[in-house]
Protein backbone atom coordinates (compact mmCIF):
# COMPACT_ATOMS: atom_id res chain seq x y z
CA MET A 1 -73.29 63.47 -40.55
CA THR A 2 -73.39 61.70 -37.35
CA PRO A 3 -74.82 58.56 -38.68
CA GLU A 4 -72.24 58.51 -41.44
CA TYR A 5 -69.49 59.26 -39.04
CA SER A 6 -70.90 56.87 -36.61
CA SER A 7 -71.04 54.26 -39.31
CA LYS A 8 -67.45 54.83 -40.34
CA SER A 9 -66.35 55.02 -36.78
CA SER A 10 -68.07 51.77 -36.04
CA LEU A 11 -66.41 50.05 -39.01
CA ARG A 12 -62.98 51.36 -38.14
CA SER A 13 -63.30 50.37 -34.51
CA SER A 14 -64.48 46.80 -35.30
CA ASN A 15 -61.56 45.89 -37.64
CA PRO A 16 -58.83 45.86 -34.97
CA CYS A 17 -60.96 43.57 -32.81
CA PHE A 18 -61.54 41.19 -35.71
CA PHE A 19 -57.84 40.95 -36.57
CA ALA A 20 -56.95 40.61 -32.93
CA ASP A 21 -59.41 37.75 -32.58
CA CYS A 22 -57.88 36.05 -35.61
CA ILE A 23 -54.40 36.42 -34.22
CA ILE A 24 -55.47 35.11 -30.84
CA PHE A 25 -57.32 32.21 -32.46
CA SER A 26 -54.36 31.36 -34.68
CA ALA A 27 -51.97 31.53 -31.77
CA GLY A 28 -54.21 29.34 -29.69
CA ALA A 29 -54.66 26.84 -32.47
CA THR A 30 -50.95 26.74 -33.10
CA THR A 31 -50.27 26.29 -29.41
CA ALA A 32 -52.82 23.50 -29.25
CA VAL A 33 -51.27 21.76 -32.22
CA LEU A 34 -47.81 22.12 -30.72
CA LEU A 35 -49.02 20.82 -27.37
CA PHE A 36 -50.80 17.92 -29.04
CA TRP A 37 -47.71 17.10 -31.10
CA THR A 38 -45.50 17.33 -28.00
CA PHE A 39 -47.66 15.06 -25.88
CA SER A 40 -48.30 12.64 -28.70
CA SER A 41 -44.56 12.46 -29.30
CA ILE A 42 -44.04 11.61 -25.65
CA LEU A 43 -46.81 9.03 -25.59
CA HIS A 44 -46.01 7.67 -29.06
CA PRO A 45 -42.36 8.34 -29.88
CA ILE A 46 -41.48 8.66 -33.52
CA ILE A 47 -39.71 5.49 -34.61
CA PRO A 48 -37.68 5.62 -37.79
CA SER A 49 -38.48 3.03 -40.39
CA PRO A 50 -36.40 -0.18 -40.23
CA ILE A 51 -34.85 0.66 -43.58
CA LEU A 52 -33.71 4.07 -42.36
CA THR A 53 -32.48 2.61 -39.08
CA ASN A 54 -30.47 -0.04 -40.89
CA GLN A 55 -29.01 2.56 -43.23
CA LEU A 56 -27.98 4.80 -40.34
CA HIS A 57 -26.60 1.83 -38.42
CA HIS A 58 -24.71 0.59 -41.44
CA GLN A 59 -23.18 4.01 -42.03
CA SER A 60 -22.07 4.34 -38.43
CA SER A 61 -20.86 0.78 -37.81
CA SER A 62 -19.03 0.32 -41.09
CA ASP A 63 -16.75 3.25 -40.33
CA LEU A 64 -15.79 2.04 -36.86
CA PRO A 65 -12.56 0.03 -36.57
CA THR A 66 -12.70 -3.60 -35.46
CA PHE A 67 -10.14 -6.34 -34.94
CA TYR A 68 -10.22 -6.91 -38.72
CA ASP A 69 -8.42 -3.56 -39.16
CA ASP A 70 -5.44 -4.71 -37.10
CA PRO A 71 -2.60 -5.36 -39.59
CA SER A 72 -1.07 -7.94 -37.22
CA LEU A 73 -4.20 -10.13 -37.35
CA SER A 74 -3.42 -13.48 -38.92
CA TYR A 75 -5.68 -16.39 -39.81
CA SER A 76 -2.75 -18.82 -39.61
CA VAL A 77 -2.40 -21.21 -36.69
CA SER A 78 1.39 -20.68 -36.75
CA ASN A 79 1.21 -16.89 -36.40
CA PRO A 80 3.95 -15.76 -33.98
CA HIS A 81 1.59 -13.10 -32.60
CA PRO A 82 -1.32 -15.01 -31.06
CA ILE A 83 -4.73 -13.39 -30.82
CA SER A 84 -5.53 -12.05 -27.36
CA ASP A 85 -8.72 -10.74 -25.76
CA TRP A 86 -10.75 -12.54 -28.41
CA ASP A 87 -13.94 -12.75 -26.32
CA ASN A 88 -14.16 -8.97 -25.97
CA LYS A 89 -13.27 -8.42 -29.61
CA ARG A 90 -16.06 -10.74 -30.69
CA ARG A 91 -18.51 -9.10 -28.27
CA ARG A 92 -17.76 -5.62 -29.62
CA TRP A 93 -18.02 -6.82 -33.23
CA LEU A 94 -21.41 -8.39 -32.54
CA ARG A 95 -22.68 -5.16 -30.98
CA LEU A 96 -21.77 -3.38 -34.21
CA HIS A 97 -23.57 -6.01 -36.29
CA PRO A 98 -26.76 -6.93 -34.40
CA SER A 99 -28.50 -8.32 -37.48
CA ILE A 100 -25.96 -11.15 -37.55
CA PHE A 101 -27.65 -12.61 -34.46
CA ARG A 102 -30.35 -13.86 -36.80
CA GLN A 103 -27.82 -16.12 -38.47
CA PRO A 104 -27.19 -19.76 -37.38
CA SER A 105 -25.09 -20.21 -34.25
CA ILE A 106 -23.47 -23.42 -35.55
CA LEU A 107 -21.08 -23.71 -38.48
CA MET A 108 -20.27 -27.19 -39.74
CA LEU A 109 -16.77 -27.54 -41.18
CA THR A 110 -15.67 -30.41 -43.38
CA GLY A 111 -13.69 -30.93 -46.56
CA SER A 112 -11.47 -33.09 -48.70
CA GLN A 113 -8.17 -32.89 -50.56
CA PRO A 114 -7.89 -30.36 -53.42
CA SER A 115 -6.92 -32.94 -56.07
CA PRO A 116 -9.10 -35.75 -57.47
CA CYS A 117 -9.06 -39.09 -55.67
CA PRO A 118 -7.01 -41.90 -57.25
CA ASN A 119 -10.17 -43.97 -57.69
CA PRO A 120 -13.08 -42.27 -59.54
CA LYS A 121 -15.53 -44.25 -57.40
CA SER A 122 -14.06 -42.51 -54.37
CA ASP A 123 -14.93 -39.06 -55.72
CA HIS A 124 -18.53 -40.22 -56.03
CA LEU A 125 -18.45 -41.39 -52.42
CA LEU A 126 -17.09 -38.02 -51.27
CA LEU A 127 -19.86 -36.30 -53.21
CA ARG A 128 -22.49 -38.41 -51.45
CA LEU A 129 -20.82 -37.80 -48.08
CA PHE A 130 -20.93 -34.06 -48.78
CA LYS A 131 -24.60 -34.28 -49.83
CA ASN A 132 -25.33 -36.11 -46.60
CA LYS A 133 -23.93 -33.27 -44.50
CA ALA A 134 -25.60 -30.63 -46.68
CA ASP A 135 -28.96 -32.38 -46.19
CA TYR A 136 -28.57 -32.35 -42.42
CA CYS A 137 -27.48 -28.72 -42.31
CA ARG A 138 -30.43 -27.65 -44.49
CA LEU A 139 -32.90 -29.50 -42.24
CA HIS A 140 -31.51 -27.89 -39.09
CA SER A 141 -30.66 -24.39 -40.42
CA ILE A 142 -26.93 -24.87 -39.87
CA ASP A 143 -24.28 -23.16 -41.98
CA LEU A 144 -21.86 -25.43 -43.84
CA PHE A 145 -18.36 -24.67 -45.09
CA TYR A 146 -16.72 -27.31 -47.29
CA ASN A 147 -13.00 -26.76 -47.68
CA THR A 148 -10.66 -28.21 -50.31
CA ALA A 149 -7.65 -25.97 -49.64
CA LEU A 150 -4.74 -26.93 -47.42
CA LEU A 151 -4.50 -23.86 -45.18
CA HIS A 152 -1.16 -24.87 -43.69
CA PRO A 153 1.27 -26.74 -45.97
CA SER A 154 2.86 -28.57 -43.05
CA MET A 155 -0.43 -29.77 -41.56
CA PRO A 156 -2.05 -32.28 -43.94
CA SER A 157 -4.37 -35.20 -43.26
CA PHE A 158 -5.95 -35.26 -39.79
CA TRP A 159 -4.00 -32.14 -38.73
CA ALA A 160 -5.61 -30.04 -41.49
CA LYS A 161 -8.72 -29.31 -39.44
CA ILE A 162 -6.88 -27.24 -36.83
CA PRO A 163 -5.83 -24.40 -39.19
CA LEU A 164 -9.32 -24.42 -40.74
CA VAL A 165 -11.15 -24.26 -37.41
CA ARG A 166 -8.97 -21.39 -36.25
CA ALA A 167 -9.47 -19.42 -39.48
CA ALA A 168 -13.23 -20.02 -39.31
CA MET A 169 -13.37 -18.59 -35.80
CA ILE A 170 -11.93 -15.33 -37.08
CA ALA A 171 -13.94 -15.29 -40.30
CA ARG A 172 -17.24 -15.98 -38.51
CA PRO A 173 -17.20 -14.17 -35.14
CA GLU A 174 -21.00 -14.41 -34.96
CA ILE A 175 -20.81 -18.23 -34.78
CA GLU A 176 -20.87 -19.67 -31.26
CA TRP A 177 -20.05 -23.33 -32.08
CA LEU A 178 -17.85 -24.71 -34.85
CA TRP A 179 -18.58 -28.33 -35.67
CA TRP A 180 -15.85 -30.26 -37.42
CA VAL A 181 -16.98 -33.49 -39.16
CA ASP A 182 -14.46 -35.68 -41.01
CA SER A 183 -15.16 -36.28 -44.68
CA ASP A 184 -15.50 -40.04 -44.01
CA ALA A 185 -18.26 -39.56 -41.43
CA ALA A 186 -21.94 -39.88 -42.39
CA ILE A 187 -24.83 -38.43 -40.40
CA THR A 188 -27.22 -41.34 -40.02
CA ASP A 189 -29.96 -39.75 -37.90
CA MET A 190 -31.35 -36.75 -39.73
CA GLU A 191 -33.79 -35.91 -36.93
CA PHE A 192 -31.30 -35.75 -34.06
CA GLU A 193 -30.18 -32.36 -32.72
CA LEU A 194 -27.01 -31.63 -30.80
CA PRO A 195 -27.82 -31.19 -27.07
CA LEU A 196 -26.04 -27.84 -26.81
CA ARG A 197 -27.52 -27.03 -23.39
CA ARG A 198 -25.56 -29.96 -22.01
CA TYR A 199 -22.34 -28.21 -23.02
CA GLU A 200 -23.06 -24.73 -21.63
CA SER A 201 -20.07 -24.82 -19.29
CA HIS A 202 -17.70 -26.50 -21.77
CA ASN A 203 -15.74 -25.33 -24.79
CA LEU A 204 -14.79 -28.57 -26.54
CA VAL A 205 -16.89 -31.70 -27.06
CA VAL A 206 -15.47 -34.98 -28.38
CA HIS A 207 -16.63 -38.58 -28.30
CA GLY A 208 -14.68 -40.30 -25.55
CA TRP A 209 -14.47 -42.07 -22.21
CA PRO A 210 -12.61 -40.70 -19.14
CA ASP A 211 -11.77 -44.16 -17.81
CA LEU A 212 -9.99 -45.13 -21.02
CA ILE A 213 -8.01 -41.89 -20.93
CA TYR A 214 -6.94 -41.63 -17.32
CA ASN A 215 -6.79 -45.31 -16.33
CA ASN A 216 -6.05 -47.20 -19.56
CA ARG A 217 -4.10 -44.42 -21.28
CA SER A 218 -5.42 -45.65 -24.61
CA TRP A 219 -4.98 -43.75 -27.86
CA THR A 220 -8.53 -44.81 -28.86
CA ALA A 221 -10.03 -43.33 -25.68
CA LEU A 222 -11.49 -40.51 -27.77
CA ASN A 223 -11.93 -39.67 -31.43
CA ALA A 224 -11.15 -36.20 -32.74
CA GLY A 225 -12.71 -36.81 -36.15
CA VAL A 226 -15.93 -35.17 -35.01
CA LEU A 227 -15.79 -32.33 -32.52
CA LEU A 228 -17.64 -29.25 -31.32
CA ILE A 229 -15.55 -26.27 -30.28
CA ARG A 230 -16.77 -22.94 -28.95
CA ASN A 231 -15.65 -19.70 -30.56
CA CYS A 232 -13.74 -18.15 -27.65
CA GLN A 233 -10.27 -17.24 -26.39
CA TRP A 234 -9.89 -20.57 -24.57
CA SER A 235 -10.37 -22.42 -27.85
CA LEU A 236 -7.85 -20.26 -29.70
CA ASP A 237 -5.32 -21.00 -26.96
CA LEU A 238 -6.06 -24.73 -27.11
CA LEU A 239 -5.69 -24.83 -30.90
CA SER A 240 -2.32 -23.09 -30.66
CA ARG A 241 -1.12 -25.52 -28.00
CA TRP A 242 -2.53 -28.53 -29.86
CA ALA A 243 -0.85 -27.47 -33.10
CA ARG A 244 2.56 -27.38 -31.40
CA LEU A 245 2.44 -31.17 -31.26
CA GLY A 246 1.85 -31.32 -35.02
CA PRO A 247 4.07 -31.70 -38.09
CA GLN A 248 4.82 -27.99 -38.46
CA ASP A 249 6.72 -28.06 -35.14
CA PRO A 250 10.50 -28.65 -35.27
CA ASP A 251 10.13 -31.27 -32.51
CA TYR A 252 7.51 -33.28 -34.41
CA GLN A 253 9.57 -36.47 -34.46
CA ARG A 254 10.24 -36.21 -30.74
CA TRP A 255 6.54 -35.69 -30.06
CA GLY A 256 5.83 -38.95 -31.86
CA GLN A 257 8.20 -40.77 -29.52
CA ILE A 258 6.68 -39.09 -26.47
CA LEU A 259 3.14 -40.02 -27.48
CA ARG A 260 4.06 -43.67 -28.12
CA ALA A 261 5.66 -43.85 -24.69
CA GLU A 262 2.61 -42.17 -23.13
CA LEU A 263 0.03 -44.36 -24.88
CA PRO A 264 1.15 -48.01 -24.96
CA ASP A 265 -1.44 -49.13 -27.55
CA LYS A 266 -0.52 -46.44 -30.10
CA LEU A 267 0.34 -48.37 -33.27
CA PHE A 268 2.28 -45.88 -35.41
CA PRO A 269 5.23 -43.61 -34.60
CA ASP A 270 3.99 -40.25 -35.90
CA SER A 271 2.32 -37.68 -33.69
CA ASP A 272 -1.39 -37.49 -34.59
CA ASP A 273 -4.08 -35.07 -33.49
CA GLN A 274 -6.02 -37.66 -31.49
CA SER A 275 -3.06 -38.85 -29.43
CA ALA A 276 -1.95 -35.25 -28.96
CA LEU A 277 -5.33 -34.26 -27.48
CA ILE A 278 -5.22 -37.24 -25.09
CA TYR A 279 -1.71 -36.19 -24.09
CA LEU A 280 -2.93 -32.68 -23.24
CA LEU A 281 -5.69 -34.18 -21.09
CA LEU A 282 -3.19 -36.40 -19.29
CA ARG A 283 -0.37 -33.91 -18.83
CA GLU A 284 -2.22 -30.59 -18.74
CA LYS A 285 -5.57 -31.61 -17.30
CA GLY A 286 -5.65 -28.66 -14.92
CA LYS A 287 -5.51 -26.22 -17.82
CA TRP A 288 -7.80 -27.92 -20.33
CA GLY A 289 -9.68 -30.81 -18.75
CA GLU A 290 -12.43 -28.85 -17.00
CA LYS A 291 -13.68 -27.34 -20.27
CA ILE A 292 -13.55 -30.54 -22.36
CA TYR A 293 -16.71 -32.67 -22.43
CA LEU A 294 -16.23 -36.36 -23.24
CA GLU A 295 -19.53 -37.42 -24.81
CA SER A 296 -20.53 -41.09 -24.68
CA GLU A 297 -24.33 -40.99 -24.25
CA TYR A 298 -24.97 -40.97 -27.99
CA TYR A 299 -22.96 -41.57 -31.16
CA LEU A 300 -21.34 -38.20 -31.67
CA GLU A 301 -19.23 -40.43 -33.88
CA GLY A 302 -19.76 -44.18 -33.94
CA TYR A 303 -17.37 -46.85 -35.17
CA TRP A 304 -18.78 -48.03 -38.50
CA ALA A 305 -17.77 -51.68 -38.13
CA GLU A 306 -20.05 -51.94 -35.07
CA ILE A 307 -22.94 -50.06 -36.70
CA VAL A 308 -23.39 -50.93 -40.37
CA GLY A 309 -24.57 -54.49 -39.75
CA LYS A 310 -27.33 -53.18 -37.46
CA LEU A 311 -28.75 -50.49 -39.74
CA LYS A 312 -31.36 -52.71 -41.38
CA GLY A 313 -32.67 -53.83 -37.99
CA VAL A 314 -32.77 -50.26 -36.70
CA ALA A 315 -34.69 -49.19 -39.79
CA GLU A 316 -37.25 -51.94 -39.14
CA MET A 317 -37.68 -50.78 -35.53
CA TYR A 318 -38.39 -47.25 -36.71
CA LEU A 319 -40.91 -48.50 -39.24
CA GLU A 320 -42.62 -50.47 -36.50
CA MET A 321 -42.74 -47.31 -34.41
CA GLU A 322 -44.42 -45.54 -37.32
CA ARG A 323 -46.97 -48.31 -37.77
CA GLU A 324 -48.00 -47.83 -34.14
CA GLU A 325 -47.95 -44.02 -34.14
CA LYS A 326 -50.16 -42.45 -36.80
CA GLY A 327 -48.62 -39.00 -36.27
CA LEU A 328 -45.27 -40.32 -37.54
CA ARG A 329 -46.91 -41.36 -40.80
CA ARG A 330 -48.46 -37.99 -41.50
CA ARG A 331 -47.21 -36.14 -44.56
CA ARG A 332 -45.59 -32.82 -43.70
CA SER A 333 -43.18 -30.33 -45.17
CA GLU A 334 -39.54 -31.31 -44.88
CA LYS A 335 -38.45 -29.25 -41.87
CA VAL A 336 -41.75 -29.61 -40.03
CA MET A 337 -41.57 -33.38 -40.44
CA VAL A 338 -38.10 -33.51 -38.87
CA ALA A 339 -39.10 -31.33 -35.91
CA GLU A 340 -42.44 -33.03 -35.19
CA ASN A 341 -41.16 -36.57 -35.66
CA ARG A 342 -38.27 -35.89 -33.31
CA LYS A 343 -40.70 -34.86 -30.55
CA MET A 344 -42.95 -37.88 -31.06
CA ARG A 345 -40.05 -40.32 -31.13
CA GLU A 346 -38.67 -38.91 -27.89
CA LYS A 347 -41.98 -39.70 -26.19
CA TRP A 348 -41.83 -43.20 -27.64
CA PHE A 349 -38.28 -43.75 -26.40
CA ARG A 350 -39.16 -42.51 -22.91
CA ALA A 351 -42.08 -44.92 -22.80
CA GLU A 352 -39.82 -47.77 -23.90
CA ALA A 353 -36.95 -46.93 -21.55
CA GLU A 354 -37.03 -50.19 -19.55
CA GLY A 355 -33.83 -51.24 -21.31
CA GLY A 356 -31.97 -48.34 -19.69
CA GLU A 357 -29.80 -45.77 -21.46
CA LEU A 358 -27.65 -48.38 -23.18
CA GLY A 359 -30.68 -50.25 -24.47
CA ARG A 360 -32.20 -47.01 -25.70
CA GLN A 361 -28.99 -46.11 -27.53
CA GLN A 362 -28.99 -49.50 -29.23
CA ARG A 363 -32.55 -48.89 -30.49
CA ARG A 364 -31.87 -45.38 -31.73
CA ARG A 365 -30.45 -44.53 -35.08
CA PRO A 366 -26.74 -43.82 -34.64
CA PHE A 367 -26.26 -40.06 -34.98
CA ILE A 368 -22.94 -40.20 -36.87
CA THR A 369 -21.33 -43.27 -38.41
CA HIS A 370 -17.60 -42.72 -38.81
CA PHE A 371 -15.70 -44.81 -41.35
CA THR A 372 -12.41 -44.47 -39.57
CA GLY A 373 -9.68 -46.57 -41.15
CA CYS A 374 -11.42 -46.79 -44.53
CA GLN A 375 -9.73 -43.80 -46.25
CA PRO A 376 -12.38 -43.42 -49.01
CA CYS A 377 -10.22 -41.12 -51.17
CA SER A 378 -6.81 -42.78 -51.11
CA GLY A 379 -8.15 -46.29 -50.66
CA GLU A 380 -5.32 -47.05 -48.22
CA HIS A 381 -7.66 -48.65 -45.72
CA ASN A 382 -6.67 -50.41 -42.54
CA ASN A 383 -5.58 -53.99 -43.26
CA ILE A 384 -8.18 -55.39 -40.87
CA TYR A 385 -10.89 -54.37 -43.36
CA SER A 386 -11.38 -55.15 -47.01
CA GLY A 387 -11.91 -52.36 -49.50
CA GLU A 388 -15.25 -53.92 -50.42
CA SER A 389 -16.52 -53.92 -46.83
CA CYS A 390 -15.63 -50.22 -46.48
CA TYR A 391 -17.34 -49.31 -49.75
CA GLU A 392 -20.51 -51.31 -49.08
CA GLY A 393 -20.66 -50.01 -45.53
CA MET A 394 -20.55 -46.41 -46.73
CA VAL A 395 -23.22 -47.02 -49.37
CA LYS A 396 -25.50 -48.65 -46.79
CA ALA A 397 -25.04 -45.83 -44.28
CA LEU A 398 -25.59 -43.11 -46.89
CA SER A 399 -28.73 -44.82 -48.26
CA PHE A 400 -30.00 -45.31 -44.71
CA ALA A 401 -29.66 -41.57 -44.14
CA ASP A 402 -30.94 -40.64 -47.58
CA ASP A 403 -34.16 -42.62 -47.00
CA GLN A 404 -34.91 -40.25 -44.11
CA VAL A 405 -34.51 -37.28 -46.46
CA LEU A 406 -36.42 -38.78 -49.39
CA ARG A 407 -39.31 -39.66 -47.07
CA ALA A 408 -40.52 -36.05 -47.14
CA TYR A 409 -40.45 -36.20 -50.95
CA GLY A 410 -42.48 -39.41 -51.08
CA PHE A 411 -39.73 -41.91 -51.98
CA ARG A 412 -37.21 -44.35 -50.49
CA HIS A 413 -34.50 -46.70 -51.78
CA ARG A 414 -35.50 -50.19 -52.80
CA ASP A 415 -32.65 -51.48 -50.67
CA LEU A 416 -29.68 -50.00 -48.82
CA LEU A 417 -27.40 -51.24 -51.62
CA ASN A 418 -29.77 -50.29 -54.43
CA GLU A 419 -29.59 -46.78 -55.89
CA SER A 420 -33.08 -46.93 -57.43
CA VAL A 421 -36.06 -45.61 -55.45
CA VAL A 422 -39.74 -46.47 -55.09
CA GLU A 423 -42.68 -44.18 -54.43
CA LEU A 424 -44.29 -44.45 -51.00
CA HIS A 425 -48.00 -45.09 -50.75
CA PHE A 426 -50.20 -42.82 -48.64
CA ASP A 427 -49.98 -43.55 -44.90
CA PHE A 428 -46.72 -45.50 -45.35
CA PRO A 429 -45.68 -47.78 -43.64
CA ALA A 430 -49.17 -48.79 -42.52
CA VAL A 431 -50.54 -51.75 -44.44
CA SER A 432 -52.29 -50.42 -47.55
């Protein structure tokens, strides 16, 4: 009996130990796993997938109010309740939409009248001028907005850009610089990039000369047909002040008289945007002058009558540069070609800088050729030009620019006044 009992007793006494060992082992294993998970979480934090993060961010940010939810917000330049604290409103909006930072920081604005031009040939010119700007924006990853709507019925013609620029600031708070380019301006150097670092402490950039403004008091001392303006409160305030000299103001006729008295060489009686900006620099320099950059080191906009006759010679100089520099003849993708060629040409210009800055500017392609006075849509050109000279000048400038675009596709125009193209041989323009 003893052995049996002993056997049973032994079996019964060993079971609790076995289960206890299992429990202890399980507890230890669990603890180890938990400790491992804890430490691994500390060393390697769990990061949600980008999709989940974006979804969570979208859900949280889309429900938060922004300046867009303010019922008093108006896109109109004549709004009686001006926007205030715009810089902080933009900053908060950008924090709620961080992905927007990946978008371009420059928005080009241009446009034309909503109705067809009187001359069908003019509509074709406007189409080519639009294509020219679209080509440049594509090459430099710049957004482009082409407008055909009159946003303020009392501000037509050259005043129409002010309501558009203001509305674009509100519609695109992620954009740092808004770049207005008149419809009659052609970009004639597709490789050139705006030197934005030069303007870090300024909010408005126009082509102009301080001496002609402050000493000569000339109405041609600057040109407002091409301008860069920063998206900030200062700019909103300037646009509001500038617009008060325009045709929507009850004192518009009086402003015309004031501007003619202020600027002796002003030829016509109406208040215009260019004269008005010069007036603000003369009379309110302390408020606006410090933040306005008058650019004259390159053709932010160049007078077409001084440029068109030189385009053929400039093109030949660039071809000669390419004959000497094999890297400029290399076939590349479109955007890579623009970026690499720009770098190589800058080295070439620095090496050939004995002519000084003026000489270097004369050898460069003009950045923008502005056909001021030509009025391509209405045809009511300045009497000092003929309609034919305006038309041929625009065709030459547009073909000159288009050759730079077509180069990446293996073609160029037969001539600046010839619409047909020829295929380029390998290693062009080296002698084949």
